[in-house]
Amino acid sequence: MQKFFKDKRLLKIGQLLISALLLWLVFKKIDLGEIWDQIINVPVWFLVVSLIFWIVSSFIVAWRWAMLILEEYSFADVAFLVKSSLTARFYAIFLPSSMSADLIKWLPLIKRYPKLTKAGLAGSVVLDRIIGFTAFVLVAFLSIILGKIIGVQFPDFVFWLFLGCLVAVIGFYVVVYYVDLDKALGVIKVPDKIQRMIKAVMKADKKKMTKALVLSLLAAPLWSLSGWLALVAFKTGVPLLVTMIIIPVINLVLILPISVAGFGPREGLFVYLFSTYAVSNESLLASSAFSGILSLMFAILGGALTLF
């Protein structure tokens, strides 16, 4: 156990170093005074819309989870899952990845839903993440294809990386739908606890999985629209179509646990991918940095709300 936490601390230190290095590289030749002026003069409408978006996105994520874990659910159940998810977002600030934080978000559900097993709850969290990741991969890969058609420049390695992710998620669903899991686990030696969680994931209700994936795909444009509103608020001049193509790619990269709250990679990607279309790099960085600050503030607010 001590070794586990030590490894986690080392990973967190690595994330801090990566964020700091990337932020230094991006901001070293930028007028910080101009960025600060833009941030403190951010339009009020953007703050209001961002808060609404945060609330809506929290309910969408909880609704998807409710589909996977509960036979029947009401608005009160979804609201309870929202509270649990907000706790996970708060802990994600300190843990190496959002996935590792999600593995503790099912703890409040044990008392409320005694029929649910720990393995089933943990499995549902993993499955929920996989479905969300699947939607990100599909949208991001299609965005790269569309981007190449209209002339948006993406590095070749990003295309191949996302193609690999697409193949991986397709392979996952092939295994879930067509592989006899009991026979496979009979051949492969897996600890009992992990085996129970794997079964909870692999033997999940296929109709519920499909509904959850459809919900994620329908909600995907909201994440891109949020990024576009930030670009509008800071008057970057980036067109809507370009934003809807590039933001899914950035969102997928930010899922990787390589930085703290996305700081560093997000700013670097904003400048690299949007600079051709923006009026200035300062406006792009103000938009990106403020989006990161808002996400951090909302995560802290979510943690505070769970105390009540």
C-alpha atoms as a PDB file:
ATOM      1  CA  MET A   1       0.000   0.000   0.000  1.00  0.00           C
ATOM      2  CA  GLN A   2       2.811   2.392   0.873  1.00  0.00           C
ATOM      3  CA  LYS A   3       4.473   1.644  -2.471  1.00  0.00           C
ATOM      4  CA  PHE A   4       1.159   2.307  -4.243  1.00  0.00           C
ATOM      5  CA  PHE A   5       0.822   5.800  -2.756  1.00  0.00           C
ATOM      6  CA  LYS A   6       4.486   6.514  -3.379  1.00  0.00           C
ATOM      7  CA  ASP A   7       4.065   5.652  -7.064  1.00  0.00           C
ATOM      8  CA  LYS A   8       0.970   7.886  -7.227  1.00  0.00           C
ATOM      9  CA  ARG A   9       2.904  10.779  -5.692  1.00  0.00           C
ATOM     10  CA  LEU A  10       5.693  10.334  -8.225  1.00  0.00           C
ATOM     11  CA  LEU A  11       3.155  10.365 -11.058  1.00  0.00           C
ATOM     12  CA  LYS A  12       1.573  13.544  -9.672  1.00  0.00           C
ATOM     13  CA  ILE A  13       4.999  15.208  -9.459  1.00  0.00           C
ATOM     14  CA  GLY A  14       5.636  14.185 -13.068  1.00  0.00           C
ATOM     15  CA  GLN A  15       2.325  15.754 -14.107  1.00  0.00           C
ATOM     16  CA  LEU A  16       3.214  18.982 -12.306  1.00  0.00           C
ATOM     17  CA  LEU A  17       6.578  19.114 -14.070  1.00  0.00           C
ATOM     18  CA  ILE A  18       5.014  18.488 -17.497  1.00  0.00           C
ATOM     19  CA  SER A  19       2.378  21.185 -16.914  1.00  0.00           C
ATOM     20  CA  ALA A  20       4.992  23.677 -15.705  1.00  0.00           C
ATOM     21  CA  LEU A  21       7.344  22.977 -18.625  1.00  0.00           C
ATOM     22  CA  LEU A  22       4.638  23.260 -21.278  1.00  0.00           C
ATOM     23  CA  LEU A  23       3.217  26.431 -19.733  1.00  0.00           C
ATOM     24  CA  TRP A  24       6.687  27.993 -19.684  1.00  0.00           C
ATOM     25  CA  LEU A  25       7.297  27.087 -23.345  1.00  0.00           C
ATOM     26  CA  VAL A  26       3.933  28.509 -24.410  1.00  0.00           C
ATOM     27  CA  PHE A  27       3.969  31.706 -22.359  1.00  0.00           C
ATOM     28  CA  LYS A  28       7.655  32.699 -22.548  1.00  0.00           C
ATOM     29  CA  LYS A  29       7.211  34.859 -25.666  1.00  0.00           C
ATOM     30  CA  ILE A  30       3.693  36.056 -24.904  1.00  0.00           C
ATOM     31  CA  ASP A  31       2.524  39.404 -23.534  1.00  0.00           C
ATOM     32  CA  LEU A  32       1.266  38.266 -20.117  1.00  0.00           C
ATOM     33  CA  GLY A  33      -0.134  41.724 -19.363  1.00  0.00           C
ATOM     34  CA  GLU A  34      -2.473  41.518 -22.349  1.00  0.00           C
ATOM     35  CA  ILE A  35      -3.620  38.047 -21.327  1.00  0.00           C
ATOM     36  CA  TRP A  36      -4.309  39.220 -17.782  1.00  0.00           C
ATOM     37  CA  ASP A  37      -6.312  42.210 -19.050  1.00  0.00           C
ATOM     38  CA  GLN A  38      -8.466  39.915 -21.168  1.00  0.00           C
ATOM     39  CA  ILE A  39      -9.060  37.475 -18.315  1.00  0.00           C
ATOM     40  CA  ILE A  40     -10.155  40.092 -15.773  1.00  0.00           C
ATOM     41  CA  ASN A  41     -12.460  41.661 -18.356  1.00  0.00           C
ATOM     42  CA  VAL A  42     -14.135  38.406 -19.360  1.00  0.00           C
ATOM     43  CA  PRO A  43     -17.824  38.991 -20.264  1.00  0.00           C
ATOM     44  CA  VAL A  44     -20.371  38.192 -17.572  1.00  0.00           C
ATOM     45  CA  TRP A  45     -22.511  36.288 -20.091  1.00  0.00           C
ATOM     46  CA  PHE A  46     -19.678  33.805 -20.559  1.00  0.00           C
ATOM     47  CA  LEU A  47     -19.502  33.098 -16.821  1.00  0.00           C
ATOM     48  CA  VAL A  48     -23.270  32.557 -16.674  1.00  0.00           C
ATOM     49  CA  VAL A  49     -23.293  30.285 -19.739  1.00  0.00           C
ATOM     50  CA  SER A  50     -20.307  28.336 -18.390  1.00  0.00           C
ATOM     51  CA  LEU A  51     -22.103  27.728 -15.103  1.00  0.00           C
ATOM     52  CA  ILE A  52     -25.196  26.496 -16.955  1.00  0.00           C
ATOM     53  CA  PHE A  53     -23.047  24.255 -19.107  1.00  0.00           C
ATOM     54  CA  TRP A  54     -21.338  22.812 -16.013  1.00  0.00           C
ATOM     55  CA  ILE A  55     -24.708  21.991 -14.445  1.00  0.00           C
ATOM     56  CA  VAL A  56     -26.081  20.438 -17.646  1.00  0.00           C
ATOM     57  CA  SER A  57     -22.921  18.387 -18.284  1.00  0.00           C
ATOM     58  CA  SER A  58     -22.975  17.113 -14.689  1.00  0.00           C
ATOM     59  CA  PHE A  59     -26.535  15.844 -15.149  1.00  0.00           C
ATOM     60  CA  ILE A  60     -25.751  14.267 -18.533  1.00  0.00           C
ATOM     61  CA  VAL A  61     -22.814  12.320 -17.071  1.00  0.00           C
ATOM     62  CA  ALA A  62     -24.930  11.223 -14.075  1.00  0.00           C
ATOM     63  CA  TRP A  63     -27.830  10.254 -16.360  1.00  0.00           C
ATOM     64  CA  ARG A  64     -25.513   8.049 -18.405  1.00  0.00           C
ATOM     65  CA  TRP A  65     -24.228   6.372 -15.253  1.00  0.00           C
ATOM     66  CA  ALA A  66     -27.792   5.845 -13.985  1.00  0.00           C
ATOM     67  CA  MET A  67     -28.597   4.036 -17.243  1.00  0.00           C
ATOM     68  CA  LEU A  68     -25.783   1.584 -16.599  1.00  0.00           C
ATOM     69  CA  ILE A  69     -26.163   0.916 -12.907  1.00  0.00           C
ATOM     70  CA  LEU A  70     -29.856   1.165 -11.985  1.00  0.00           C
ATOM     71  CA  GLU A  71     -32.776  -0.892 -13.258  1.00  0.00           C
ATOM     72  CA  GLU A  72     -35.130   2.033 -12.736  1.00  0.00           C
ATOM     73  CA  TYR A  73     -34.248   5.562 -11.754  1.00  0.00           C
ATOM     74  CA  SER A  74     -35.866   8.911 -11.054  1.00  0.00           C
ATOM     75  CA  PHE A  75     -34.666  12.494 -11.131  1.00  0.00           C
ATOM     76  CA  ALA A  76     -33.750  12.136  -7.448  1.00  0.00           C
ATOM     77  CA  ASP A  77     -31.484   9.194  -8.307  1.00  0.00           C
ATOM     78  CA  VAL A  78     -29.765  11.156 -11.063  1.00  0.00           C
ATOM     79  CA  ALA A  79     -29.337  14.122  -8.706  1.00  0.00           C
ATOM     80  CA  PHE A  80     -27.728  11.812  -6.128  1.00  0.00           C
ATOM     81  CA  LEU A  81     -25.336  10.500  -8.782  1.00  0.00           C
ATOM     82  CA  VAL A  82     -24.525  14.109  -9.711  1.00  0.00           C
ATOM     83  CA  LYS A  83     -23.447  14.730  -6.129  1.00  0.00           C
ATOM     84  CA  SER A  84     -21.307  11.590  -6.168  1.00  0.00           C
ATOM     85  CA  SER A  85     -19.726  12.604  -9.492  1.00  0.00           C
ATOM     86  CA  LEU A  86     -18.946  16.087  -8.173  1.00  0.00           C
ATOM     87  CA  THR A  87     -17.013  14.476  -5.339  1.00  0.00           C
ATOM     88  CA  ALA A  88     -14.957  12.558  -7.909  1.00  0.00           C
ATOM     89  CA  ARG A  89     -14.236  15.739  -9.892  1.00  0.00           C
ATOM     90  CA  PHE A  90     -12.958  17.382  -6.718  1.00  0.00           C
ATOM     91  CA  TYR A  91     -10.626  14.496  -5.878  1.00  0.00           C
ATOM     92  CA  ALA A  92      -9.460  14.406  -9.503  1.00  0.00           C
ATOM     93  CA  ILE A  93      -7.600  17.660  -8.775  1.00  0.00           C
ATOM     94  CA  PHE A  94      -5.262  15.779  -6.443  1.00  0.00           C
ATOM     95  CA  LEU A  95      -5.193  12.283  -7.949  1.00  0.00           C
ATOM     96  CA  PRO A  96      -3.082  11.302 -10.995  1.00  0.00           C
ATOM     97  CA  SER A  97      -6.060  10.929 -13.346  1.00  0.00           C
ATOM     98  CA  SER A  98      -9.804  11.494 -13.449  1.00  0.00           C
ATOM     99  CA  MET A  99     -10.258   7.734 -13.850  1.00  0.00           C
ATOM    100  CA  SER A 100      -8.506   7.023 -10.574  1.00  0.00           C
ATOM    101  CA  ALA A 101     -10.825   9.566  -8.909  1.00  0.00           C
ATOM    102  CA  ASP A 102     -13.875   7.957 -10.507  1.00  0.00           C
ATOM    103  CA  LEU A 103     -13.034   4.669  -8.842  1.00  0.00           C
ATOM    104  CA  ILE A 104     -14.054   6.197  -5.506  1.00  0.00           C
ATOM    105  CA  LYS A 105     -17.222   7.941  -6.649  1.00  0.00           C
ATOM    106  CA  TRP A 106     -19.342   4.828  -6.104  1.00  0.00           C
ATOM    107  CA  LEU A 107     -18.668   4.805  -2.339  1.00  0.00           C
ATOM    108  CA  PRO A 108     -21.720   6.965  -1.414  1.00  0.00           C
ATOM    109  CA  LEU A 109     -23.957   4.594  -3.394  1.00  0.00           C
ATOM    110  CA  ILE A 110     -23.332   1.574  -1.146  1.00  0.00           C
ATOM    111  CA  LYS A 111     -25.665   2.814   1.613  1.00  0.00           C
ATOM    112  CA  ARG A 112     -28.323   4.190  -0.735  1.00  0.00           C
ATOM    113  CA  TYR A 113     -28.464   1.101  -2.973  1.00  0.00           C
ATOM    114  CA  PRO A 114     -27.611  -1.920  -0.771  1.00  0.00           C
ATOM    115  CA  LYS A 115     -28.432  -4.397  -3.549  1.00  0.00           C
ATOM    116  CA  LEU A 116     -25.525  -3.138  -5.630  1.00  0.00           C
ATOM    117  CA  THR A 117     -22.251  -4.981  -5.113  1.00  0.00           C
ATOM    118  CA  LYS A 118     -18.879  -3.291  -4.822  1.00  0.00           C
ATOM    119  CA  ALA A 119     -17.628  -5.167  -7.881  1.00  0.00           C
ATOM    120  CA  GLY A 120     -20.720  -4.128  -9.826  1.00  0.00           C
ATOM    121  CA  LEU A 121     -20.325  -0.490  -8.785  1.00  0.00           C
ATOM    122  CA  ALA A 122     -16.637  -0.411  -9.670  1.00  0.00           C
ATOM    123  CA  GLY A 123     -17.395  -2.150 -12.947  1.00  0.00           C
ATOM    124  CA  SER A 124     -20.106   0.381 -13.778  1.00  0.00           C
ATOM    125  CA  VAL A 125     -17.649   3.244 -13.215  1.00  0.00           C
ATOM    126  CA  VAL A 126     -15.126   1.637 -15.551  1.00  0.00           C
ATOM    127  CA  LEU A 127     -17.813   0.908 -18.148  1.00  0.00           C
ATOM    128  CA  ASP A 128     -19.115   4.478 -17.909  1.00  0.00           C
ATOM    129  CA  ARG A 129     -15.609   5.763 -18.567  1.00  0.00           C
ATOM    130  CA  ILE A 130     -15.132   3.418 -21.513  1.00  0.00           C
ATOM    131  CA  ILE A 131     -18.405   4.537 -23.085  1.00  0.00           C
ATOM    132  CA  GLY A 132     -17.503   8.204 -22.580  1.00  0.00           C
ATOM    133  CA  PHE A 133     -14.052   7.542 -24.027  1.00  0.00           C
ATOM    134  CA  THR A 134     -15.627   5.746 -26.989  1.00  0.00           C
ATOM    135  CA  ALA A 135     -17.718   8.809 -27.823  1.00  0.00           C
ATOM    136  CA  PHE A 136     -14.633  11.048 -27.581  1.00  0.00           C
ATOM    137  CA  VAL A 137     -12.653   8.718 -29.859  1.00  0.00           C
ATOM    138  CA  LEU A 138     -15.385   8.458 -32.505  1.00  0.00           C
ATOM    139  CA  VAL A 139     -16.017  12.200 -32.606  1.00  0.00           C
ATOM    140  CA  ALA A 140     -12.317  13.100 -32.536  1.00  0.00           C
ATOM    141  CA  PHE A 141     -11.428  10.633 -35.302  1.00  0.00           C
ATOM    142  CA  LEU A 142     -14.250  11.899 -37.511  1.00  0.00           C
ATOM    143  CA  SER A 143     -13.116  15.451 -36.740  1.00  0.00           C
ATOM    144  CA  ILE A 144      -9.602  14.663 -37.971  1.00  0.00           C
ATOM    145  CA  ILE A 145     -10.980  13.160 -41.202  1.00  0.00           C
ATOM    146  CA  LEU A 146     -13.235  16.176 -41.778  1.00  0.00           C
ATOM    147  CA  GLY A 147     -10.417  18.528 -40.826  1.00  0.00           C
ATOM    148  CA  LYS A 148      -8.098  17.011 -43.410  1.00  0.00           C
ATOM    149  CA  ILE A 149     -10.808  17.389 -46.048  1.00  0.00           C
ATOM    150  CA  ILE A 150     -11.266  21.136 -45.423  1.00  0.00           C
ATOM    151  CA  GLY A 151      -7.565  21.797 -44.862  1.00  0.00           C
ATOM    152  CA  VAL A 152      -7.165  21.900 -41.059  1.00  0.00           C
ATOM    153  CA  GLN A 153      -3.614  20.781 -40.276  1.00  0.00           C
ATOM    154  CA  PHE A 154      -3.160  17.951 -37.788  1.00  0.00           C
ATOM    155  CA  PRO A 155       0.160  16.164 -37.104  1.00  0.00           C
ATOM    156  CA  ASP A 156       0.275  12.748 -38.766  1.00  0.00           C
ATOM    157  CA  PHE A 157       1.059  10.991 -35.467  1.00  0.00           C
ATOM    158  CA  VAL A 158      -2.234  12.284 -34.017  1.00  0.00           C
ATOM    159  CA  PHE A 159      -4.149  10.594 -36.833  1.00  0.00           C
ATOM    160  CA  TRP A 160      -2.405   7.278 -36.184  1.00  0.00           C
ATOM    161  CA  LEU A 161      -2.778   7.622 -32.416  1.00  0.00           C
ATOM    162  CA  PHE A 162      -6.516   8.172 -32.711  1.00  0.00           C
ATOM    163  CA  LEU A 163      -6.817   5.380 -35.253  1.00  0.00           C
ATOM    164  CA  GLY A 164      -5.189   3.091 -32.687  1.00  0.00           C
ATOM    165  CA  CYS A 165      -7.672   4.277 -30.049  1.00  0.00           C
ATOM    166  CA  LEU A 166     -10.541   3.611 -32.459  1.00  0.00           C
ATOM    167  CA  VAL A 167      -9.308   0.083 -33.149  1.00  0.00           C
ATOM    168  CA  ALA A 168      -8.959  -0.496 -29.385  1.00  0.00           C
ATOM    169  CA  VAL A 169     -12.519   0.571 -28.556  1.00  0.00           C
ATOM    170  CA  ILE A 170     -13.914  -1.452 -31.462  1.00  0.00           C
ATOM    171  CA  GLY A 171     -11.971  -4.447 -30.137  1.00  0.00           C
ATOM    172  CA  PHE A 172     -13.494  -3.893 -26.695  1.00  0.00           C
ATOM    173  CA  TYR A 173     -17.044  -4.014 -28.032  1.00  0.00           C
ATOM    174  CA  VAL A 174     -16.269  -7.079 -30.136  1.00  0.00           C
ATOM    175  CA  VAL A 175     -15.087  -8.841 -26.966  1.00  0.00           C
ATOM    176  CA  VAL A 176     -18.138  -7.692 -24.986  1.00  0.00           C
ATOM    177  CA  TYR A 177     -20.656  -8.768 -27.608  1.00  0.00           C
ATOM    178  CA  TYR A 178     -19.083 -11.895 -29.076  1.00  0.00           C
ATOM    179  CA  VAL A 179     -16.503 -13.479 -26.727  1.00  0.00           C
ATOM    180  CA  ASP A 180     -17.489 -16.134 -24.180  1.00  0.00           C
ATOM    181  CA  LEU A 181     -16.084 -14.430 -21.085  1.00  0.00           C
ATOM    182  CA  ASP A 182     -16.430 -17.424 -18.758  1.00  0.00           C
ATOM    183  CA  LYS A 183     -14.268 -19.564 -21.040  1.00  0.00           C
ATOM    184  CA  ALA A 184     -11.712 -16.778 -21.460  1.00  0.00           C
ATOM    185  CA  LEU A 185     -11.400 -16.220 -17.692  1.00  0.00           C
ATOM    186  CA  GLY A 186     -11.121 -19.975 -17.224  1.00  0.00           C
ATOM    187  CA  VAL A 187      -7.959 -19.950 -19.323  1.00  0.00           C
ATOM    188  CA  ILE A 188      -6.460 -16.695 -17.983  1.00  0.00           C
ATOM    189  CA  LYS A 189      -5.622 -16.584 -14.282  1.00  0.00           C
ATOM    190  CA  VAL A 190      -7.136 -13.417 -12.783  1.00  0.00           C
ATOM    191  CA  PRO A 191      -7.603 -12.536  -9.075  1.00  0.00           C
ATOM    192  CA  ASP A 192     -11.193 -13.008  -7.883  1.00  0.00           C
ATOM    193  CA  LYS A 193     -11.887  -9.323  -7.156  1.00  0.00           C
ATOM    194  CA  ILE A 194     -10.617  -8.218 -10.558  1.00  0.00           C
ATOM    195  CA  GLN A 195     -12.474 -11.112 -12.194  1.00  0.00           C
ATOM    196  CA  ARG A 196     -15.758  -9.976 -10.637  1.00  0.00           C
ATOM    197  CA  MET A 197     -15.215  -6.428 -11.852  1.00  0.00           C
ATOM    198  CA  ILE A 198     -14.339  -7.647 -15.363  1.00  0.00           C
ATOM    199  CA  LYS A 199     -17.530  -9.701 -15.431  1.00  0.00           C
ATOM    200  CA  ALA A 200     -19.531  -6.666 -14.279  1.00  0.00           C
ATOM    201  CA  VAL A 201     -18.125  -4.719 -17.221  1.00  0.00           C
ATOM    202  CA  MET A 202     -18.270  -7.431 -19.862  1.00  0.00           C
ATOM    203  CA  LYS A 203     -21.688  -8.782 -18.905  1.00  0.00           C
ATOM    204  CA  ALA A 204     -23.421  -5.419 -18.664  1.00  0.00           C
ATOM    205  CA  ASP A 205     -26.833  -5.014 -20.280  1.00  0.00           C
ATOM    206  CA  LYS A 206     -26.123  -4.425 -23.981  1.00  0.00           C
ATOM    207  CA  LYS A 207     -29.257  -2.288 -24.483  1.00  0.00           C
ATOM    208  CA  LYS A 208     -28.225  -0.021 -21.613  1.00  0.00           C
ATOM    209  CA  MET A 209     -24.726   0.255 -23.050  1.00  0.00           C
ATOM    210  CA  THR A 210     -26.138   1.255 -26.441  1.00  0.00           C
ATOM    211  CA  LYS A 211     -28.412   3.891 -24.907  1.00  0.00           C
ATOM    212  CA  ALA A 212     -25.540   5.302 -22.855  1.00  0.00           C
ATOM    213  CA  LEU A 213     -23.297   5.485 -25.927  1.00  0.00           C
ATOM    214  CA  VAL A 214     -26.007   7.223 -27.962  1.00  0.00           C
ATOM    215  CA  LEU A 215     -26.461   9.760 -25.151  1.00  0.00           C
ATOM    216  CA  SER A 216     -22.707  10.418 -25.111  1.00  0.00           C
ATOM    217  CA  LEU A 217     -22.600  10.920 -28.882  1.00  0.00           C
ATOM    218  CA  LEU A 218     -25.591  13.293 -28.788  1.00  0.00           C
ATOM    219  CA  ALA A 219     -23.959  15.283 -25.979  1.00  0.00           C
ATOM    220  CA  ALA A 220     -20.554  15.446 -27.712  1.00  0.00           C
ATOM    221  CA  PRO A 221     -21.308  18.701 -29.604  1.00  0.00           C
ATOM    222  CA  LEU A 222     -21.956  20.413 -26.254  1.00  0.00           C
ATOM    223  CA  TRP A 223     -18.313  19.961 -25.201  1.00  0.00           C
ATOM    224  CA  SER A 224     -17.144  21.536 -28.488  1.00  0.00           C
ATOM    225  CA  LEU A 225     -19.718  24.320 -28.237  1.00  0.00           C
ATOM    226  CA  SER A 226     -18.425  25.197 -24.782  1.00  0.00           C
ATOM    227  CA  GLY A 227     -14.914  25.590 -26.213  1.00  0.00           C
ATOM    228  CA  TRP A 228     -16.218  27.758 -29.039  1.00  0.00           C
ATOM    229  CA  LEU A 229     -18.032  30.073 -26.594  1.00  0.00           C
ATOM    230  CA  ALA A 230     -14.743  30.584 -24.754  1.00  0.00           C
ATOM    231  CA  LEU A 231     -13.079  31.511 -28.049  1.00  0.00           C
ATOM    232  CA  VAL A 232     -15.919  33.946 -28.791  1.00  0.00           C
ATOM    233  CA  ALA A 233     -15.777  35.473 -25.307  1.00  0.00           C
ATOM    234  CA  PHE A 234     -12.105  36.351 -25.806  1.00  0.00           C
ATOM    235  CA  LYS A 235     -12.672  37.557 -29.402  1.00  0.00           C
ATOM    236  CA  THR A 236     -10.230  35.136 -30.999  1.00  0.00           C
ATOM    237  CA  GLY A 237     -11.989  35.200 -34.366  1.00  0.00           C
ATOM    238  CA  VAL A 238     -11.856  31.399 -34.762  1.00  0.00           C
ATOM    239  CA  PRO A 239     -14.749  30.148 -36.970  1.00  0.00           C
ATOM    240  CA  LEU A 240     -17.396  27.839 -35.498  1.00  0.00           C
ATOM    241  CA  LEU A 241     -16.759  25.004 -37.988  1.00  0.00           C
ATOM    242  CA  VAL A 242     -13.024  24.973 -37.256  1.00  0.00           C
ATOM    243  CA  THR A 243     -13.733  24.941 -33.523  1.00  0.00           C
ATOM    244  CA  MET A 244     -16.167  22.037 -33.789  1.00  0.00           C
ATOM    245  CA  ILE A 245     -13.464  20.065 -35.615  1.00  0.00           C
ATOM    246  CA  ILE A 246     -10.475  20.895 -33.422  1.00  0.00           C
ATOM    247  CA  ILE A 247     -11.988  20.910 -29.908  1.00  0.00           C
ATOM    248  CA  PRO A 248     -12.864  17.157 -29.929  1.00  0.00           C
ATOM    249  CA  VAL A 249      -9.233  16.399 -30.785  1.00  0.00           C
ATOM    250  CA  ILE A 250      -8.005  18.565 -27.905  1.00  0.00           C
ATOM    251  CA  ASN A 251     -10.549  17.029 -25.499  1.00  0.00           C
ATOM    252  CA  LEU A 252      -9.390  13.527 -26.339  1.00  0.00           C
ATOM    253  CA  VAL A 253      -5.724  14.421 -25.778  1.00  0.00           C
ATOM    254  CA  LEU A 254      -6.596  16.008 -22.426  1.00  0.00           C
ATOM    255  CA  ILE A 255      -8.063  12.711 -21.196  1.00  0.00           C
ATOM    256  CA  LEU A 256      -4.504  11.375 -20.995  1.00  0.00           C
ATOM    257  CA  PRO A 257      -3.134  11.679 -17.414  1.00  0.00           C
ATOM    258  CA  ILE A 258      -0.047  13.669 -18.405  1.00  0.00           C
ATOM    259  CA  SER A 259      -0.713  17.001 -16.708  1.00  0.00           C
ATOM    260  CA  VAL A 260      -2.557  18.732 -13.885  1.00  0.00           C
ATOM    261  CA  ALA A 261      -6.142  19.601 -14.875  1.00  0.00           C
ATOM    262  CA  GLY A 262      -5.007  19.821 -18.511  1.00  0.00           C
ATOM    263  CA  PHE A 263      -2.842  22.915 -17.916  1.00  0.00           C
ATOM    264  CA  GLY A 264       0.046  22.993 -20.347  1.00  0.00           C
ATOM    265  CA  PRO A 265      -1.141  20.591 -23.048  1.00  0.00           C
ATOM    266  CA  ARG A 266      -4.381  22.551 -23.474  1.00  0.00           C
ATOM    267  CA  GLU A 267      -2.591  25.871 -23.971  1.00  0.00           C
ATOM    268  CA  GLY A 268      -0.018  24.328 -26.301  1.00  0.00           C
ATOM    269  CA  LEU A 269      -2.700  22.671 -28.422  1.00  0.00           C
ATOM    270  CA  PHE A 270      -4.775  25.844 -28.590  1.00  0.00           C
ATOM    271  CA  VAL A 271      -1.834  27.812 -29.979  1.00  0.00           C
ATOM    272  CA  TYR A 272      -0.649  25.037 -32.295  1.00  0.00           C
ATOM    273  CA  LEU A 273      -4.035  24.200 -33.807  1.00  0.00           C
ATOM    274  CA  PHE A 274      -5.891  27.527 -33.683  1.00  0.00           C
ATOM    275  CA  SER A 275      -3.137  30.085 -34.344  1.00  0.00           C
ATOM    276  CA  THR A 276      -3.798  30.091 -38.118  1.00  0.00           C
ATOM    277  CA  TYR A 277      -7.375  31.253 -37.535  1.00  0.00           C
ATOM    278  CA  ALA A 278      -7.030  33.512 -34.465  1.00  0.00           C
ATOM    279  CA  VAL A 279      -6.366  37.250 -34.302  1.00  0.00           C
ATOM    280  CA  SER A 280      -3.557  36.706 -31.761  1.00  0.00           C
ATOM    281  CA  ASN A 281      -1.929  34.025 -29.628  1.00  0.00           C
ATOM    282  CA  GLU A 282      -2.656  36.134 -26.546  1.00  0.00           C
ATOM    283  CA  SER A 283      -6.416  35.854 -27.121  1.00  0.00           C
ATOM    284  CA  LEU A 284      -6.087  32.090 -27.624  1.00  0.00           C
ATOM    285  CA  LEU A 285      -4.079  31.622 -24.439  1.00  0.00           C
ATOM    286  CA  ALA A 286      -6.465  33.825 -22.457  1.00  0.00           C
ATOM    287  CA  SER A 287      -9.346  31.671 -23.685  1.00  0.00           C
ATOM    288  CA  SER A 288      -7.547  28.417 -22.921  1.00  0.00           C
ATOM    289  CA  ALA A 289      -6.186  29.452 -19.530  1.00  0.00           C
ATOM    290  CA  PHE A 290      -9.512  30.840 -18.373  1.00  0.00           C
ATOM    291  CA  SER A 291     -11.304  27.663 -19.465  1.00  0.00           C
ATOM    292  CA  GLY A 292      -8.857  25.679 -17.336  1.00  0.00           C
ATOM    293  CA  ILE A 293      -9.327  28.023 -14.385  1.00  0.00           C
ATOM    294  CA  LEU A 294     -13.111  27.698 -14.673  1.00  0.00           C
ATOM    295  CA  SER A 295     -12.872  23.892 -14.738  1.00  0.00           C
ATOM    296  CA  LEU A 296     -10.722  23.997 -11.610  1.00  0.00           C
ATOM    297  CA  MET A 297     -13.111  26.404  -9.873  1.00  0.00           C
ATOM    298  CA  PHE A 298     -16.118  24.250 -10.724  1.00  0.00           C
ATOM    299  CA  ALA A 299     -14.332  21.144  -9.429  1.00  0.00           C
ATOM    300  CA  ILE A 300     -13.645  22.927  -6.124  1.00  0.00           C
ATOM    301  CA  LEU A 301     -17.247  24.194  -6.020  1.00  0.00           C
ATOM    302  CA  GLY A 302     -18.474  20.663  -6.643  1.00  0.00           C
ATOM    303  CA  GLY A 303     -16.366  19.395  -3.759  1.00  0.00           C
ATOM    304  CA  ALA A 304     -17.791  22.103  -1.488  1.00  0.00           C
ATOM    305  CA  LEU A 305     -21.371  21.295  -2.516  1.00  0.00           C
ATOM    306  CA  THR A 306     -20.952  17.667  -1.502  1.00  0.00           C
ATOM    307  CA  LEU A 307     -20.511  18.782   2.106  1.00  0.00           C
ATOM    308  CA  PHE A 308     -24.162  19.833   2.276  1.00  0.00           C
END
